[in-house]
Amino acid sequence: MEIFDIFLLEAILNGILLGGVLALLALGLNLVFGVIDVVWICYAELVMIGMYTVYWLFAYYGVPIVPAFLAGIVIVAAAGALLHYLVIRPILGAAPINQLLVTGGVLFFLQALATLVFGVEFRNIGLRLPVLEFADMYFSFARVLAFVTALAGMVALYLFLTRTYIGTAIRAISQDREIMPLMGVNPQRVYLMTSAIGGGLAGLSACLLVLQYDVHPAIGLSFGPITFMICVMGGLGNMIGGFVAAFIFSQFISIGGFFFAIEWGYVIAFAFFILMMFLKPQGILSRRR
């Protein structure tokens, strides 16, 4: 078999498309950590909430898909703000291990609640999208749409953080949490806004993922560990590093799946993650001292 054939190119391009959604997930988690300095272990469970929201609105109540998507984003953004106000705010000064345990507890609580309310059935919104053909290669329209939307969401976040007063306050307080209150910035309001934006990004990710995957109570376990590893490999709080790490990770999954099997693609990606933790524990873009 020729190494560089059309099927390998197709795998590489599909890896790029997968990387867009993974980068969007990592972006939301990195934003929250970079500003609030708390890792939301339960971040992927917010995605689950968004996927269930879209499913029930579109497939059960017959709401058009675009309003269902918008409602999913708004509801998950509100869930992110509520999570910060009820859970994160009281533990801001706690030890990091306590913060991880609390957000991990929220993860299991949301999974158990979803199981109790919705059952363990796999549910699909039933929206059939076409498959695109280009140069004898085939791509899922849902994955292409997800990639383009993810890039648009990341560009919108960049413009928000660099062109608005609130975005400037978010970037400033992420750089110096102690001096910004002396300059008239209310940290709690910034934290709450950041949590809502992080939740909104999780909601947008949910809208993109529900087009490709069934929703069930454990769907967060499919993306939560990967998202966390991408953030760590890119450097927690480093949005550019997370963006780069997402595409590297997705290529290992896609190309590994091409040469072996998709399960082996994940194994290779995880092995690379472990190796990078020895070589560059501060992040893939960090410089050695």
C-alpha atoms as a PDB file:
ATOM      1  CA  MET A   1       0.000   0.000   0.000  1.00  0.00           C
ATOM      2  CA  GLU A   2       1.273   3.425  -0.852  1.00  0.00           C
ATOM      3  CA  ILE A   3       1.708   5.536   2.243  1.00  0.00           C
ATOM      4  CA  PHE A   4       0.531   8.790   0.700  1.00  0.00           C
ATOM      5  CA  ASP A   5      -2.685   7.811  -0.978  1.00  0.00           C
ATOM      6  CA  ILE A   6      -6.077   9.446  -1.250  1.00  0.00           C
ATOM      7  CA  PHE A   7      -7.423   7.638   1.796  1.00  0.00           C
ATOM      8  CA  LEU A   8      -4.637   8.922   4.010  1.00  0.00           C
ATOM      9  CA  LEU A   9      -5.312  12.459   2.784  1.00  0.00           C
ATOM     10  CA  GLU A  10      -8.977  11.929   3.601  1.00  0.00           C
ATOM     11  CA  ALA A  11      -8.023  10.800   7.117  1.00  0.00           C
ATOM     12  CA  ILE A  12      -5.833  13.888   7.595  1.00  0.00           C
ATOM     13  CA  LEU A  13      -8.612  16.226   6.466  1.00  0.00           C
ATOM     14  CA  ASN A  14     -11.141  14.464   8.702  1.00  0.00           C
ATOM     15  CA  GLY A  15      -8.675  14.884  11.569  1.00  0.00           C
ATOM     16  CA  ILE A  16      -8.603  18.617  10.888  1.00  0.00           C
ATOM     17  CA  LEU A  17     -12.410  18.733  10.939  1.00  0.00           C
ATOM     18  CA  LEU A  18     -12.455  16.841  14.258  1.00  0.00           C
ATOM     19  CA  GLY A  19      -9.814  19.192  15.644  1.00  0.00           C
ATOM     20  CA  GLY A  20     -12.102  22.190  15.171  1.00  0.00           C
ATOM     21  CA  VAL A  21     -14.698  20.881  17.632  1.00  0.00           C
ATOM     22  CA  LEU A  22     -12.050  19.671  20.096  1.00  0.00           C
ATOM     23  CA  ALA A  23     -10.393  23.103  19.932  1.00  0.00           C
ATOM     24  CA  LEU A  24     -13.726  24.775  20.705  1.00  0.00           C
ATOM     25  CA  LEU A  25     -14.217  22.543  23.749  1.00  0.00           C
ATOM     26  CA  ALA A  26     -10.674  23.211  24.944  1.00  0.00           C
ATOM     27  CA  LEU A  27     -11.112  26.931  24.369  1.00  0.00           C
ATOM     28  CA  GLY A  28     -14.063  27.117  26.755  1.00  0.00           C
ATOM     29  CA  LEU A  29     -12.312  25.126  29.478  1.00  0.00           C
ATOM     30  CA  ASN A  30      -9.081  27.110  29.079  1.00  0.00           C
ATOM     31  CA  LEU A  31     -10.972  30.396  29.261  1.00  0.00           C
ATOM     32  CA  VAL A  32     -12.548  29.426  32.575  1.00  0.00           C
ATOM     33  CA  PHE A  33      -9.286  28.191  34.050  1.00  0.00           C
ATOM     34  CA  GLY A  34      -7.255  31.128  32.753  1.00  0.00           C
ATOM     35  CA  VAL A  35      -9.558  33.655  34.417  1.00  0.00           C
ATOM     36  CA  ILE A  36     -10.977  31.892  37.471  1.00  0.00           C
ATOM     37  CA  ASP A  37      -8.090  29.454  38.069  1.00  0.00           C
ATOM     38  CA  VAL A  38     -10.462  26.537  38.675  1.00  0.00           C
ATOM     39  CA  VAL A  39     -10.596  23.478  36.405  1.00  0.00           C
ATOM     40  CA  TRP A  40     -14.167  22.442  35.666  1.00  0.00           C
ATOM     41  CA  ILE A  41     -13.912  18.655  35.601  1.00  0.00           C
ATOM     42  CA  CYS A  42     -17.647  18.678  34.886  1.00  0.00           C
ATOM     43  CA  TYR A  43     -17.283  20.875  31.763  1.00  0.00           C
ATOM     44  CA  ALA A  44     -18.305  18.104  29.357  1.00  0.00           C
ATOM     45  CA  GLU A  45     -21.484  17.539  31.380  1.00  0.00           C
ATOM     46  CA  LEU A  46     -22.549  21.064  30.407  1.00  0.00           C
ATOM     47  CA  VAL A  47     -22.220  19.847  26.824  1.00  0.00           C
ATOM     48  CA  MET A  48     -24.535  16.968  27.729  1.00  0.00           C
ATOM     49  CA  ILE A  49     -27.119  19.454  29.041  1.00  0.00           C
ATOM     50  CA  GLY A  50     -26.954  21.341  25.769  1.00  0.00           C
ATOM     51  CA  MET A  51     -27.332  18.185  23.695  1.00  0.00           C
ATOM     52  CA  TYR A  52     -30.384  17.091  25.667  1.00  0.00           C
ATOM     53  CA  THR A  53     -31.857  20.574  25.329  1.00  0.00           C
ATOM     54  CA  VAL A  54     -31.515  20.515  21.539  1.00  0.00           C
ATOM     55  CA  TYR A  55     -32.843  16.966  21.368  1.00  0.00           C
ATOM     56  CA  TRP A  56     -36.013  17.659  23.344  1.00  0.00           C
ATOM     57  CA  LEU A  57     -36.749  20.957  21.658  1.00  0.00           C
ATOM     58  CA  PHE A  58     -36.163  19.730  18.110  1.00  0.00           C
ATOM     59  CA  ALA A  59     -37.021  16.021  18.111  1.00  0.00           C
ATOM     60  CA  TYR A  60     -39.719  15.978  20.791  1.00  0.00           C
ATOM     61  CA  TYR A  61     -41.414  19.383  20.734  1.00  0.00           C
ATOM     62  CA  GLY A  62     -40.825  20.184  17.064  1.00  0.00           C
ATOM     63  CA  VAL A  63     -38.974  23.478  17.546  1.00  0.00           C
ATOM     64  CA  PRO A  64     -37.021  24.439  14.387  1.00  0.00           C
ATOM     65  CA  ILE A  65     -33.368  23.496  14.560  1.00  0.00           C
ATOM     66  CA  VAL A  66     -31.897  27.029  14.624  1.00  0.00           C
ATOM     67  CA  PRO A  67     -34.069  28.269  17.551  1.00  0.00           C
ATOM     68  CA  ALA A  68     -33.340  24.967  19.304  1.00  0.00           C
ATOM     69  CA  PHE A  69     -29.608  25.597  18.885  1.00  0.00           C
ATOM     70  CA  LEU A  70     -29.919  29.161  20.198  1.00  0.00           C
ATOM     71  CA  ALA A  71     -31.940  27.948  23.179  1.00  0.00           C
ATOM     72  CA  GLY A  72     -29.321  25.288  23.886  1.00  0.00           C
ATOM     73  CA  ILE A  73     -26.520  27.868  23.899  1.00  0.00           C
ATOM     74  CA  VAL A  74     -28.451  30.241  26.176  1.00  0.00           C
ATOM     75  CA  ILE A  75     -29.483  27.488  28.605  1.00  0.00           C
ATOM     76  CA  VAL A  76     -25.958  26.105  28.920  1.00  0.00           C
ATOM     77  CA  ALA A  77     -24.562  29.630  29.334  1.00  0.00           C
ATOM     78  CA  ALA A  78     -27.040  30.128  32.179  1.00  0.00           C
ATOM     79  CA  ALA A  79     -26.016  26.735  33.605  1.00  0.00           C
ATOM     80  CA  GLY A  80     -22.372  27.843  33.538  1.00  0.00           C
ATOM     81  CA  ALA A  81     -23.206  31.034  35.420  1.00  0.00           C
ATOM     82  CA  LEU A  82     -25.329  29.083  37.910  1.00  0.00           C
ATOM     83  CA  LEU A  83     -22.524  26.558  38.412  1.00  0.00           C
ATOM     84  CA  HIS A  84     -20.133  29.364  39.250  1.00  0.00           C
ATOM     85  CA  TYR A  85     -22.526  31.110  41.620  1.00  0.00           C
ATOM     86  CA  LEU A  86     -23.594  28.008  43.547  1.00  0.00           C
ATOM     87  CA  VAL A  87     -20.499  25.776  43.410  1.00  0.00           C
ATOM     88  CA  ILE A  88     -17.351  27.555  42.237  1.00  0.00           C
ATOM     89  CA  ARG A  89     -17.680  30.863  44.098  1.00  0.00           C
ATOM     90  CA  PRO A  90     -17.659  29.291  47.589  1.00  0.00           C
ATOM     91  CA  ILE A  91     -14.487  27.280  46.849  1.00  0.00           C
ATOM     92  CA  LEU A  92     -12.375  29.932  45.107  1.00  0.00           C
ATOM     93  CA  GLY A  93      -9.995  30.091  48.048  1.00  0.00           C
ATOM     94  CA  ALA A  94      -9.901  26.336  48.641  1.00  0.00           C
ATOM     95  CA  ALA A  95      -7.007  24.035  47.841  1.00  0.00           C
ATOM     96  CA  PRO A  96      -6.838  22.883  44.186  1.00  0.00           C
ATOM     97  CA  ILE A  97      -7.530  19.266  45.151  1.00  0.00           C
ATOM     98  CA  ASN A  98     -10.743  20.336  46.893  1.00  0.00           C
ATOM     99  CA  GLN A  99     -11.797  22.271  43.803  1.00  0.00           C
ATOM    100  CA  LEU A 100     -11.203  19.198  41.638  1.00  0.00           C
ATOM    101  CA  LEU A 101     -13.177  16.999  44.016  1.00  0.00           C
ATOM    102  CA  VAL A 102     -16.109  19.415  44.099  1.00  0.00           C
ATOM    103  CA  THR A 103     -16.341  19.802  40.320  1.00  0.00           C
ATOM    104  CA  GLY A 104     -15.871  16.031  40.001  1.00  0.00           C
ATOM    105  CA  GLY A 105     -18.805  15.602  42.365  1.00  0.00           C
ATOM    106  CA  VAL A 106     -20.883  17.883  40.121  1.00  0.00           C
ATOM    107  CA  LEU A 107     -19.928  15.634  37.187  1.00  0.00           C
ATOM    108  CA  PHE A 108     -21.339  12.516  38.851  1.00  0.00           C
ATOM    109  CA  PHE A 109     -24.371  14.434  40.117  1.00  0.00           C
ATOM    110  CA  LEU A 110     -25.272  15.622  36.609  1.00  0.00           C
ATOM    111  CA  GLN A 111     -24.727  12.154  35.154  1.00  0.00           C
ATOM    112  CA  ALA A 112     -26.928  10.547  37.803  1.00  0.00           C
ATOM    113  CA  LEU A 113     -29.597  13.236  37.389  1.00  0.00           C
ATOM    114  CA  ALA A 114     -29.639  12.773  33.606  1.00  0.00           C
ATOM    115  CA  THR A 115     -29.937   9.004  34.048  1.00  0.00           C
ATOM    116  CA  LEU A 116     -32.816   9.450  36.471  1.00  0.00           C
ATOM    117  CA  VAL A 117     -34.684  11.935  34.277  1.00  0.00           C
ATOM    118  CA  PHE A 118     -33.938  10.670  30.752  1.00  0.00           C
ATOM    119  CA  GLY A 119     -32.954   7.033  31.259  1.00  0.00           C
ATOM    120  CA  VAL A 120     -29.945   5.332  29.698  1.00  0.00           C
ATOM    121  CA  GLU A 121     -31.301   5.234  26.127  1.00  0.00           C
ATOM    122  CA  PHE A 122     -29.246   6.667  23.277  1.00  0.00           C
ATOM    123  CA  ARG A 123     -31.239   9.406  21.573  1.00  0.00           C
ATOM    124  CA  ASN A 124     -30.708  10.934  18.139  1.00  0.00           C
ATOM    125  CA  ILE A 125     -32.268  14.127  16.813  1.00  0.00           C
ATOM    126  CA  GLY A 126     -32.989  12.331  13.536  1.00  0.00           C
ATOM    127  CA  LEU A 127     -31.634  15.078  11.303  1.00  0.00           C
ATOM    128  CA  ARG A 128     -30.014  13.481   8.265  1.00  0.00           C
ATOM    129  CA  LEU A 129     -27.369  15.618   6.602  1.00  0.00           C
ATOM    130  CA  PRO A 130     -25.694  14.780   3.273  1.00  0.00           C
ATOM    131  CA  VAL A 131     -22.205  13.434   2.697  1.00  0.00           C
ATOM    132  CA  LEU A 132     -19.950  15.693   0.653  1.00  0.00           C
ATOM    133  CA  GLU A 133     -17.727  14.280  -2.085  1.00  0.00           C
ATOM    134  CA  PHE A 134     -14.560  16.023  -3.228  1.00  0.00           C
ATOM    135  CA  ALA A 135     -11.797  14.498  -5.359  1.00  0.00           C
ATOM    136  CA  ASP A 136     -12.936  10.950  -4.536  1.00  0.00           C
ATOM    137  CA  MET A 137     -12.941  11.794  -0.823  1.00  0.00           C
ATOM    138  CA  TYR A 138     -16.030  11.783   1.379  1.00  0.00           C
ATOM    139  CA  PHE A 139     -16.752  14.099   4.270  1.00  0.00           C
ATOM    140  CA  SER A 140     -19.710  14.349   6.609  1.00  0.00           C
ATOM    141  CA  PHE A 141     -21.552  17.624   6.077  1.00  0.00           C
ATOM    142  CA  ALA A 142     -22.244  17.707   9.816  1.00  0.00           C
ATOM    143  CA  ARG A 143     -18.503  17.569  10.532  1.00  0.00           C
ATOM    144  CA  VAL A 144     -17.729  20.278   7.950  1.00  0.00           C
ATOM    145  CA  LEU A 145     -20.482  22.469   9.381  1.00  0.00           C
ATOM    146  CA  ALA A 146     -19.159  21.856  12.889  1.00  0.00           C
ATOM    147  CA  PHE A 147     -15.624  22.811  11.832  1.00  0.00           C
ATOM    148  CA  VAL A 148     -16.690  26.068  10.161  1.00  0.00           C
ATOM    149  CA  THR A 149     -18.975  27.018  13.056  1.00  0.00           C
ATOM    150  CA  ALA A 150     -16.282  26.207  15.602  1.00  0.00           C
ATOM    151  CA  LEU A 151     -13.792  28.454  13.813  1.00  0.00           C
ATOM    152  CA  ALA A 152     -16.415  31.220  13.629  1.00  0.00           C
ATOM    153  CA  GLY A 153     -17.063  30.851  17.356  1.00  0.00           C
ATOM    154  CA  MET A 154     -13.370  31.072  18.159  1.00  0.00           C
ATOM    155  CA  VAL A 155     -12.946  34.177  15.990  1.00  0.00           C
ATOM    156  CA  ALA A 156     -15.976  35.768  17.664  1.00  0.00           C
ATOM    157  CA  LEU A 157     -14.499  35.060  21.099  1.00  0.00           C
ATOM    158  CA  TYR A 158     -11.172  36.570  20.043  1.00  0.00           C
ATOM    159  CA  LEU A 159     -12.892  39.740  18.825  1.00  0.00           C
ATOM    160  CA  PHE A 160     -14.941  39.915  22.030  1.00  0.00           C
ATOM    161  CA  LEU A 161     -11.859  39.582  24.231  1.00  0.00           C
ATOM    162  CA  THR A 162      -9.848  42.156  22.258  1.00  0.00           C
ATOM    163  CA  ARG A 163     -12.465  44.720  21.157  1.00  0.00           C
ATOM    164  CA  THR A 164     -14.864  45.080  24.103  1.00  0.00           C
ATOM    165  CA  TYR A 165     -14.548  46.549  27.593  1.00  0.00           C
ATOM    166  CA  ILE A 166     -15.730  43.341  29.255  1.00  0.00           C
ATOM    167  CA  GLY A 167     -13.318  41.294  27.169  1.00  0.00           C
ATOM    168  CA  THR A 168     -10.457  43.587  28.140  1.00  0.00           C
ATOM    169  CA  ALA A 169     -11.411  43.225  31.810  1.00  0.00           C
ATOM    170  CA  ILE A 170     -11.441  39.437  31.427  1.00  0.00           C
ATOM    171  CA  ARG A 171      -7.961  39.418  29.892  1.00  0.00           C
ATOM    172  CA  ALA A 172      -6.650  41.872  32.466  1.00  0.00           C
ATOM    173  CA  ILE A 173      -7.897  39.977  35.483  1.00  0.00           C
ATOM    174  CA  SER A 174      -6.506  36.722  34.063  1.00  0.00           C
ATOM    175  CA  GLN A 175      -3.073  38.370  34.013  1.00  0.00           C
ATOM    176  CA  ASP A 176      -3.181  39.978  37.462  1.00  0.00           C
ATOM    177  CA  ARG A 177      -5.980  39.066  39.864  1.00  0.00           C
ATOM    178  CA  GLU A 178      -4.605  41.157  42.714  1.00  0.00           C
ATOM    179  CA  ILE A 179      -4.136  44.539  41.062  1.00  0.00           C
ATOM    180  CA  MET A 180      -7.340  44.695  38.991  1.00  0.00           C
ATOM    181  CA  PRO A 181      -9.705  45.192  41.983  1.00  0.00           C
ATOM    182  CA  LEU A 182      -7.645  48.283  42.870  1.00  0.00           C
ATOM    183  CA  MET A 183      -8.420  49.652  39.409  1.00  0.00           C
ATOM    184  CA  GLY A 184     -12.191  49.423  39.879  1.00  0.00           C
ATOM    185  CA  VAL A 185     -12.805  45.984  38.335  1.00  0.00           C
ATOM    186  CA  ASN A 186     -15.187  43.733  40.270  1.00  0.00           C
ATOM    187  CA  PRO A 187     -13.604  40.249  40.073  1.00  0.00           C
ATOM    188  CA  GLN A 188     -16.805  38.421  40.972  1.00  0.00           C
ATOM    189  CA  ARG A 189     -18.704  39.993  38.087  1.00  0.00           C
ATOM    190  CA  VAL A 190     -15.884  39.126  35.707  1.00  0.00           C
ATOM    191  CA  TYR A 191     -15.821  35.554  36.999  1.00  0.00           C
ATOM    192  CA  LEU A 192     -19.567  35.234  36.553  1.00  0.00           C
ATOM    193  CA  MET A 193     -19.398  36.632  33.023  1.00  0.00           C
ATOM    194  CA  THR A 194     -16.510  34.313  32.179  1.00  0.00           C
ATOM    195  CA  SER A 195     -18.441  31.308  33.471  1.00  0.00           C
ATOM    196  CA  ALA A 196     -21.422  32.270  31.320  1.00  0.00           C
ATOM    197  CA  ILE A 197     -19.189  32.630  28.243  1.00  0.00           C
ATOM    198  CA  GLY A 198     -17.508  29.299  28.989  1.00  0.00           C
ATOM    199  CA  GLY A 199     -20.956  27.743  29.322  1.00  0.00           C
ATOM    200  CA  GLY A 200     -22.017  29.349  26.044  1.00  0.00           C
ATOM    201  CA  LEU A 201     -19.021  27.771  24.300  1.00  0.00           C
ATOM    202  CA  ALA A 202     -20.017  24.412  25.789  1.00  0.00           C
ATOM    203  CA  GLY A 203     -23.543  25.019  24.469  1.00  0.00           C
ATOM    204  CA  LEU A 204     -22.207  25.790  21.001  1.00  0.00           C
ATOM    205  CA  SER A 205     -20.122  22.615  21.135  1.00  0.00           C
ATOM    206  CA  ALA A 206     -23.244  20.688  22.140  1.00  0.00           C
ATOM    207  CA  CYS A 207     -25.097  21.988  19.082  1.00  0.00           C
ATOM    208  CA  LEU A 208     -22.281  20.812  16.826  1.00  0.00           C
ATOM    209  CA  LEU A 209     -21.879  17.428  18.512  1.00  0.00           C
ATOM    210  CA  VAL A 210     -25.590  16.573  18.583  1.00  0.00           C
ATOM    211  CA  LEU A 211     -25.489  16.611  14.771  1.00  0.00           C
ATOM    212  CA  GLN A 212     -22.934  13.793  14.825  1.00  0.00           C
ATOM    213  CA  TYR A 213     -23.490  11.757  18.004  1.00  0.00           C
ATOM    214  CA  ASP A 214     -26.313  10.265  20.021  1.00  0.00           C
ATOM    215  CA  VAL A 215     -26.961  11.887  23.365  1.00  0.00           C
ATOM    216  CA  HIS A 216     -27.015   9.822  26.558  1.00  0.00           C
ATOM    217  CA  PRO A 217     -26.135  10.469  30.226  1.00  0.00           C
ATOM    218  CA  ALA A 218     -22.520   9.318  29.804  1.00  0.00           C
ATOM    219  CA  ILE A 219     -21.777  11.322  26.644  1.00  0.00           C
ATOM    220  CA  GLY A 220     -19.575  13.645  28.704  1.00  0.00           C
ATOM    221  CA  LEU A 221     -17.152  10.783  29.344  1.00  0.00           C
ATOM    222  CA  SER A 222     -16.535  10.593  25.594  1.00  0.00           C
ATOM    223  CA  PHE A 223     -15.241  14.163  25.405  1.00  0.00           C
ATOM    224  CA  GLY A 224     -14.402  15.275  28.952  1.00  0.00           C
ATOM    225  CA  PRO A 225     -11.104  13.376  29.390  1.00  0.00           C
ATOM    226  CA  ILE A 226      -9.956  14.271  25.862  1.00  0.00           C
ATOM    227  CA  THR A 227     -10.756  17.946  26.399  1.00  0.00           C
ATOM    228  CA  PHE A 228      -8.904  17.990  29.718  1.00  0.00           C
ATOM    229  CA  MET A 229      -5.842  16.294  28.217  1.00  0.00           C
ATOM    230  CA  ILE A 230      -5.801  18.751  25.314  1.00  0.00           C
ATOM    231  CA  CYS A 231      -5.896  21.665  27.755  1.00  0.00           C
ATOM    232  CA  VAL A 232      -3.082  20.176  29.838  1.00  0.00           C
ATOM    233  CA  MET A 233      -0.978  19.372  26.776  1.00  0.00           C
ATOM    234  CA  GLY A 234      -1.456  22.899  25.467  1.00  0.00           C
ATOM    235  CA  GLY A 235      -0.847  24.423  28.893  1.00  0.00           C
ATOM    236  CA  LEU A 236      -3.800  25.050  31.206  1.00  0.00           C
ATOM    237  CA  GLY A 237      -5.133  28.536  30.544  1.00  0.00           C
ATOM    238  CA  ASN A 238      -3.149  28.861  27.291  1.00  0.00           C
ATOM    239  CA  MET A 239      -5.788  29.255  24.563  1.00  0.00           C
ATOM    240  CA  ILE A 240      -3.317  29.178  21.667  1.00  0.00           C
ATOM    241  CA  GLY A 241      -1.600  26.115  23.107  1.00  0.00           C
ATOM    242  CA  GLY A 242      -4.955  24.384  23.518  1.00  0.00           C
ATOM    243  CA  PHE A 243      -5.864  25.248  19.918  1.00  0.00           C
ATOM    244  CA  VAL A 244      -2.634  23.708  18.608  1.00  0.00           C
ATOM    245  CA  ALA A 245      -2.882  20.671  20.900  1.00  0.00           C
ATOM    246  CA  ALA A 246      -6.453  19.968  19.736  1.00  0.00           C
ATOM    247  CA  PHE A 247      -5.371  19.585  16.119  1.00  0.00           C
ATOM    248  CA  ILE A 248      -2.334  17.488  17.045  1.00  0.00           C
ATOM    249  CA  PHE A 249      -4.511  15.230  19.177  1.00  0.00           C
ATOM    250  CA  SER A 250      -7.160  14.883  16.453  1.00  0.00           C
ATOM    251  CA  GLN A 251      -4.515  13.942  13.876  1.00  0.00           C
ATOM    252  CA  PHE A 252      -3.198  11.133  16.067  1.00  0.00           C
ATOM    253  CA  ILE A 253      -6.757   9.831  16.448  1.00  0.00           C
ATOM    254  CA  SER A 254      -7.621  10.081  12.751  1.00  0.00           C
ATOM    255  CA  ILE A 255      -4.341   8.869  11.221  1.00  0.00           C
ATOM    256  CA  GLY A 256      -3.940   6.163  13.879  1.00  0.00           C
ATOM    257  CA  GLY A 257      -7.441   5.006  13.036  1.00  0.00           C
ATOM    258  CA  PHE A 258      -6.507   4.928   9.354  1.00  0.00           C
ATOM    259  CA  PHE A 259      -3.448   2.719   9.785  1.00  0.00           C
ATOM    260  CA  PHE A 260      -4.811   0.505  12.562  1.00  0.00           C
ATOM    261  CA  ALA A 261      -8.229   1.030  14.164  1.00  0.00           C
ATOM    262  CA  ILE A 262      -9.966   4.016  15.747  1.00  0.00           C
ATOM    263  CA  GLU A 263      -9.356   2.554  19.204  1.00  0.00           C
ATOM    264  CA  TRP A 264      -5.641   2.398  18.459  1.00  0.00           C
ATOM    265  CA  GLY A 265      -5.811   6.005  17.325  1.00  0.00           C
ATOM    266  CA  TYR A 266      -6.915   6.993  20.828  1.00  0.00           C
ATOM    267  CA  VAL A 267      -4.228   4.789  22.380  1.00  0.00           C
ATOM    268  CA  ILE A 268      -1.527   6.493  20.301  1.00  0.00           C
ATOM    269  CA  ALA A 269      -2.916   9.934  21.162  1.00  0.00           C
ATOM    270  CA  PHE A 270      -2.909   9.123  24.886  1.00  0.00           C
ATOM    271  CA  ALA A 271       0.643   7.753  24.655  1.00  0.00           C
ATOM    272  CA  PHE A 272       1.751  10.966  22.979  1.00  0.00           C
ATOM    273  CA  PHE A 273       0.082  12.946  25.766  1.00  0.00           C
ATOM    274  CA  ILE A 274       2.016  10.992  28.411  1.00  0.00           C
ATOM    275  CA  LEU A 275       5.262  11.535  26.516  1.00  0.00           C
ATOM    276  CA  MET A 276       4.626  15.282  26.275  1.00  0.00           C
ATOM    277  CA  MET A 277       4.041  15.457  30.013  1.00  0.00           C
ATOM    278  CA  PHE A 278       7.626  14.249  30.489  1.00  0.00           C
ATOM    279  CA  LEU A 279       9.126  16.451  27.786  1.00  0.00           C
ATOM    280  CA  LYS A 280       7.073  19.627  28.217  1.00  0.00           C
ATOM    281  CA  PRO A 281       4.947  19.490  31.392  1.00  0.00           C
ATOM    282  CA  GLN A 282       4.144  23.223  31.145  1.00  0.00           C
ATOM    283  CA  GLY A 283       2.567  22.883  27.717  1.00  0.00           C
ATOM    284  CA  ILE A 284       3.462  22.018  24.171  1.00  0.00           C
ATOM    285  CA  LEU A 285       4.399  25.609  23.316  1.00  0.00           C
ATOM    286  CA  SER A 286       6.424  26.206  26.460  1.00  0.00           C
ATOM    287  CA  ARG A 287      10.166  26.799  26.257  1.00  0.00           C
ATOM    288  CA  ARG A 288      12.679  24.820  28.232  1.00  0.00           C
ATOM    289  CA  ARG A 289      14.502  26.772  30.888  1.00  0.00           C
END
